[in-house]
Protein backbone atom coordinates (compact mmCIF):
# COMPACT_ATOMS: atom_id res chain seq x y z
CA MET A 1 24.57 15.54 15.11
CA ILE A 2 27.72 15.93 12.82
CA ILE A 3 28.75 18.99 11.47
CA PHE A 4 31.84 19.23 9.17
CA ASN A 5 33.03 23.23 8.72
CA ASN A 6 35.76 23.25 6.59
CA VAL A 7 37.36 19.97 6.66
CA THR A 8 40.28 19.18 4.57
CA LYS A 9 42.55 16.20 4.53
CA THR A 10 45.70 15.93 2.90
CA TYR A 11 48.05 13.19 2.81
CA PRO A 12 51.82 13.32 2.87
CA ASN A 13 52.23 12.91 -0.96
CA GLY A 14 50.22 16.30 -1.37
CA THR A 15 47.14 14.64 -2.44
CA LYS A 16 43.40 15.82 -0.77
CA GLY A 17 41.10 13.43 0.39
CA LEU A 18 39.17 15.72 1.88
CA ASP A 19 38.98 19.17 -0.04
CA ASN A 20 37.06 21.68 2.19
CA ILE A 21 34.14 19.81 3.29
CA ASN A 22 30.93 21.34 4.65
CA LEU A 23 27.99 19.32 5.82
CA THR A 24 26.05 18.55 8.60
CA ILE A 25 24.37 15.57 9.06
CA GLY A 26 21.09 15.88 11.42
CA GLU A 27 20.27 12.99 13.92
CA GLY A 28 18.27 10.41 12.99
CA GLU A 29 18.87 10.41 9.07
CA PHE A 30 20.26 7.47 6.94
CA VAL A 31 22.78 8.76 5.18
CA VAL A 32 24.87 6.92 1.88
CA ILE A 33 27.81 8.03 0.83
CA VAL A 34 28.56 7.42 -2.71
CA GLY A 35 32.03 7.70 -4.82
CA LEU A 36 34.38 5.94 -6.83
CA SER A 37 37.05 4.09 -5.01
CA GLY A 38 39.82 7.21 -4.11
CA ALA A 39 36.78 9.74 -4.03
CA GLY A 40 37.24 9.98 0.03
CA LYS A 41 34.28 8.34 0.92
CA SER A 42 36.17 6.22 3.88
CA THR A 43 38.54 8.77 4.64
CA LEU A 44 35.58 11.03 5.60
CA LEU A 45 33.62 7.86 7.21
CA ARG A 46 36.37 7.24 9.43
CA SER A 47 37.41 11.24 10.14
CA ILE A 48 33.95 11.39 12.29
CA ASN A 49 35.15 9.16 15.21
CA ARG A 50 39.01 10.25 14.13
CA LEU A 51 40.15 7.10 13.06
CA HIS A 52 41.86 9.41 10.74
CA GLU A 53 43.14 12.77 11.70
CA VAL A 54 41.99 15.48 9.27
CA SER A 55 44.78 18.16 8.19
CA SER A 56 42.44 21.21 8.69
CA GLY A 57 38.89 22.39 9.96
CA GLU A 58 36.68 21.16 12.46
CA ILE A 59 34.41 18.23 12.97
CA ILE A 60 31.61 18.57 15.94
CA VAL A 61 29.60 14.89 17.11
CA ASN A 62 26.89 15.52 19.42
CA ASN A 63 27.97 19.09 19.73
CA HIS A 64 31.08 18.24 21.02
CA SER A 65 34.26 19.01 18.81
CA ILE A 66 35.92 15.71 17.81
CA THR A 67 38.85 17.27 16.39
CA LYS A 68 39.67 19.24 19.07
CA ALA A 69 39.16 16.80 21.90
CA ARG A 70 42.13 14.68 23.72
CA GLY A 71 42.19 12.35 26.33
CA GLY A 72 39.10 11.50 28.43
CA LYS A 73 36.80 13.63 26.59
CA LEU A 74 37.67 12.22 23.07
CA TYR A 75 37.02 8.64 24.29
CA ARG A 76 33.76 9.79 25.75
CA ILE A 77 32.70 11.28 21.74
CA ARG A 78 34.01 8.02 20.73
CA ARG A 79 32.00 6.07 23.40
CA ASP A 80 28.96 7.43 21.16
CA ILE A 81 29.96 6.45 17.98
CA GLY A 82 29.44 2.93 16.83
CA MET A 83 31.73 1.69 13.66
CA ILE A 84 30.72 -1.30 11.54
CA PHE A 85 33.71 -2.69 9.62
CA GLN A 86 33.62 -4.74 6.03
CA ASN A 87 36.16 -7.25 7.31
CA PHE A 88 33.47 -7.83 10.44
CA ASN A 89 36.61 -6.53 13.04
CA LEU A 90 35.12 -9.67 15.18
CA VAL A 91 37.60 -12.08 17.83
CA LYS A 92 37.00 -15.08 15.65
CA ARG A 93 38.16 -17.32 18.68
CA SER A 94 35.89 -15.29 21.06
CA SER A 95 31.97 -16.04 21.60
CA VAL A 96 29.82 -14.08 19.53
CA LEU A 97 28.43 -12.57 22.74
CA ARG A 98 31.55 -11.90 24.23
CA ASN A 99 31.99 -9.93 20.85
CA VAL A 100 28.97 -7.94 21.61
CA LEU A 101 29.52 -7.40 25.57
CA SER A 102 33.16 -5.67 23.79
CA GLY A 103 30.62 -2.48 22.88
CA ARG A 104 31.01 -2.05 26.84
CA VAL A 105 34.28 -1.60 27.23
CA GLY A 106 34.08 2.23 27.29
CA TYR A 107 31.98 2.02 29.69
CA HIS A 108 33.86 0.38 32.77
CA SER A 109 37.91 0.27 34.09
CA THR A 110 40.43 -1.61 31.54
CA LEU A 111 41.16 -3.81 34.80
CA ARG A 112 37.37 -5.12 35.13
CA MET A 113 37.53 -5.53 31.04
CA ILE A 114 40.66 -8.01 30.74
CA LEU A 115 38.86 -10.42 33.46
CA GLY A 116 35.58 -10.12 31.58
CA LEU A 117 33.69 -9.21 35.33
CA PHE A 118 30.38 -7.70 32.51
CA PRO A 119 27.55 -6.80 34.88
CA GLU A 120 23.92 -8.32 34.53
CA LYS A 121 22.91 -5.19 33.03
CA ASP A 122 25.27 -5.67 29.98
CA ILE A 123 24.81 -9.29 29.10
CA ASN A 124 21.22 -8.65 28.85
CA LEU A 125 21.64 -5.28 26.93
CA SER A 126 24.17 -7.67 24.75
CA LEU A 127 21.39 -10.24 24.68
CA ASP A 128 18.66 -7.43 23.64
CA ALA A 129 20.96 -6.02 20.86
CA LEU A 130 21.56 -9.81 19.15
CA LYS A 131 17.60 -10.74 19.71
CA ARG A 132 17.28 -7.21 17.36
CA VAL A 133 19.48 -8.31 14.39
CA ASN A 134 17.71 -12.02 14.77
CA ILE A 135 20.75 -14.09 15.39
CA LEU A 136 19.71 -14.16 19.58
CA GLU A 137 20.31 -18.49 19.37
CA LYS A 138 23.91 -18.01 18.48
CA ALA A 139 24.99 -16.10 21.30
CA TYR A 140 27.86 -18.91 22.57
CA SER A 141 28.83 -19.89 18.99
CA ARG A 142 32.05 -19.00 18.68
CA ALA A 143 32.36 -16.02 16.08
CA ASP A 144 34.44 -17.99 13.00
CA GLU A 145 31.64 -20.71 12.98
CA LEU A 146 29.22 -17.97 11.64
CA SER A 147 28.17 -17.36 7.62
CA GLY A 148 29.83 -13.72 6.38
CA GLY A 149 26.19 -12.13 7.01
CA GLN A 150 25.69 -13.77 10.94
CA GLN A 151 29.29 -11.95 11.16
CA GLN A 152 28.18 -8.59 10.37
CA ARG A 153 25.02 -9.07 11.87
CA VAL A 154 27.17 -9.13 15.07
CA SER A 155 29.05 -6.16 14.42
CA ILE A 156 25.44 -4.26 14.07
CA ALA A 157 24.59 -6.22 17.29
CA ARG A 158 27.96 -4.47 19.55
CA ALA A 159 27.47 -0.89 18.13
CA LEU A 160 23.99 -0.99 19.43
CA ALA A 161 25.41 -2.81 22.73
CA GLN A 162 27.64 0.11 23.18
CA GLU A 163 24.41 2.14 22.60
CA ALA A 164 26.12 4.61 19.71
CA LYS A 165 23.72 7.37 18.97
CA VAL A 166 25.48 7.49 15.31
CA ILE A 167 26.48 3.86 13.44
CA LEU A 168 29.60 4.47 10.77
CA ALA A 169 29.46 1.65 8.45
CA ASP A 170 32.28 1.44 5.85
CA GLU A 171 31.34 -1.25 2.84
CA PRO A 172 29.29 -2.93 5.36
CA THR A 173 27.94 -5.81 2.37
CA ALA A 174 31.08 -5.46 0.11
CA SER A 175 31.92 -9.36 0.88
CA LEU A 176 28.53 -10.60 1.10
CA ASP A 177 26.33 -12.07 -1.45
CA PRO A 178 22.69 -10.29 -2.39
CA LEU A 179 20.09 -11.95 -0.15
CA THR A 180 22.65 -11.30 2.59
CA THR A 181 23.35 -7.75 2.09
CA LYS A 182 19.78 -7.09 2.04
CA GLN A 183 19.07 -8.64 4.85
CA VAL A 184 22.29 -6.53 6.70
CA MET A 185 20.61 -3.39 4.88
CA ASP A 186 17.31 -4.53 6.34
CA ASP A 187 18.51 -4.82 9.92
CA LEU A 188 20.05 -1.44 9.62
CA LYS A 189 17.35 0.82 8.58
CA ARG A 190 15.19 -1.36 10.73
CA ILE A 191 17.51 0.20 13.54
CA ASN A 192 17.56 3.45 11.69
CA GLU A 193 13.53 3.55 12.08
CA GLU A 194 12.90 2.06 15.76
CA LEU A 195 15.58 3.69 17.30
CA GLY A 196 16.17 7.01 15.80
CA ILE A 197 20.32 6.21 15.24
CA THR A 198 21.88 7.98 12.95
CA MET A 199 23.54 6.05 9.92
CA VAL A 200 26.53 6.94 7.69
CA VAL A 201 27.25 4.38 5.43
CA ASN A 202 29.81 3.64 2.67
CA LEU A 203 28.17 1.94 -0.09
CA HIS A 204 29.03 0.72 -3.73
CA PHE A 205 25.83 0.01 -5.28
CA ILE A 206 23.48 2.73 -6.50
CA ASP A 207 20.36 0.50 -6.17
CA LEU A 208 21.09 0.08 -2.48
CA ALA A 209 22.00 3.56 -1.93
CA LYS A 210 18.52 4.56 -3.55
CA GLU A 211 16.80 2.38 -1.87
CA TYR A 212 17.86 2.50 2.30
CA ALA A 213 19.13 6.17 2.35
CA THR A 214 16.95 9.31 2.86
CA ARG A 215 19.91 11.29 1.85
CA ILE A 216 22.51 10.75 -0.57
CA ILE A 217 26.35 11.83 -0.48
CA GLY A 218 28.23 12.03 -3.55
CA LEU A 219 32.34 12.50 -3.68
CA ARG A 220 35.02 12.78 -5.99
CA ALA A 221 38.23 13.59 -5.69
CA GLY A 222 37.45 14.30 -1.86
CA GLU A 223 35.19 16.85 -2.92
CA VAL A 224 31.00 16.69 -2.36
CA VAL A 225 29.31 17.10 -6.06
CA PHE A 226 26.06 16.17 -4.84
CA ASP A 227 24.09 16.14 -1.31
CA GLY A 228 20.41 15.94 -1.20
CA PRO A 229 17.29 13.67 -0.83
CA VAL A 230 17.20 10.26 -2.83
CA ALA A 231 14.44 11.64 -4.86
CA GLU A 232 16.73 13.92 -6.45
CA ALA A 233 19.32 11.58 -7.18
CA SER A 234 18.73 11.40 -10.88
CA GLU A 235 20.91 9.47 -13.25
CA ALA A 236 22.52 12.38 -14.39
CA ILE A 237 23.60 13.16 -10.91
CA PHE A 238 24.91 10.01 -10.72
CA ALA A 239 26.46 10.70 -14.15
CA GLU A 240 28.08 13.49 -12.14
CA ILE A 241 29.52 11.85 -9.42
CA TYR A 242 31.05 8.77 -11.24
CA GLY A 243 32.46 10.94 -14.01
CA ARG A 244 30.58 9.54 -17.09
CA PRO A 245 26.79 7.69 -17.56
CA ILE A 246 27.48 4.74 -15.11
CA GLN A 247 25.27 1.05 -15.24
CA ASN A 248 24.91 -0.35 -11.22
CA GLU A 249 26.96 -3.59 -12.64
CA GLU A 250 29.65 -1.64 -14.10
CA LEU A 251 30.51 0.08 -11.00
CA LEU A 252 32.30 -2.40 -9.18
CA GLU A 253 34.77 -2.87 -12.57
CA ALA A 254 34.73 0.70 -12.69
CA MET A 255 36.07 1.57 -9.10
CA GLN A 256 38.84 -1.18 -9.59
């Protein structure tokens, strides 16, 4: 599904955001990436859909090289990759339904989207996506009238309406309270299990990684220092990832 071949990202100041990454993420996995701030988590995640360009190496998504793709081919590869952001990335003054329908833009002409001419199929697909994340009743509310957790569910519904085969989530619960965090993570896990959509998620909290992931990848200074099933992610492993033994409640402070 997703393959990293010798991927390196070097910033203009010489810092390596990613250092010779070699990974294969299989279809239907729920992968959580953990590590301190600056370890390369967001760089790795955003390189999958080329929001970040890599310096060398190749990334293959669904048997297509996204690093080499240009024009229409790049557009089509990205169409299969949904993205969930920490800050929700919604058009706040638009309706919830219109925000979810924006996941369909990759399937239609620019003019048609500007005019808002979505076919009935797209509307039904978007309403079904909202139902799956339990906020169908908010379809015609403005996005800025929703709570943070509800807004994040809208962004999940948008990725579902996009019919993404892969969903990338960059700290999707960082701005949410514990109860809402559980609701959002439950949504992502259920979608992964019921629809077989591959999930690659950056998370701060070790406990969340252990609870929801089928596989954990630990990054430190741009290098993979652990890659394995949750059962193998011991306290000693997390100490290696974070550089010292660390309690989960200390983690946010340690990452500042």
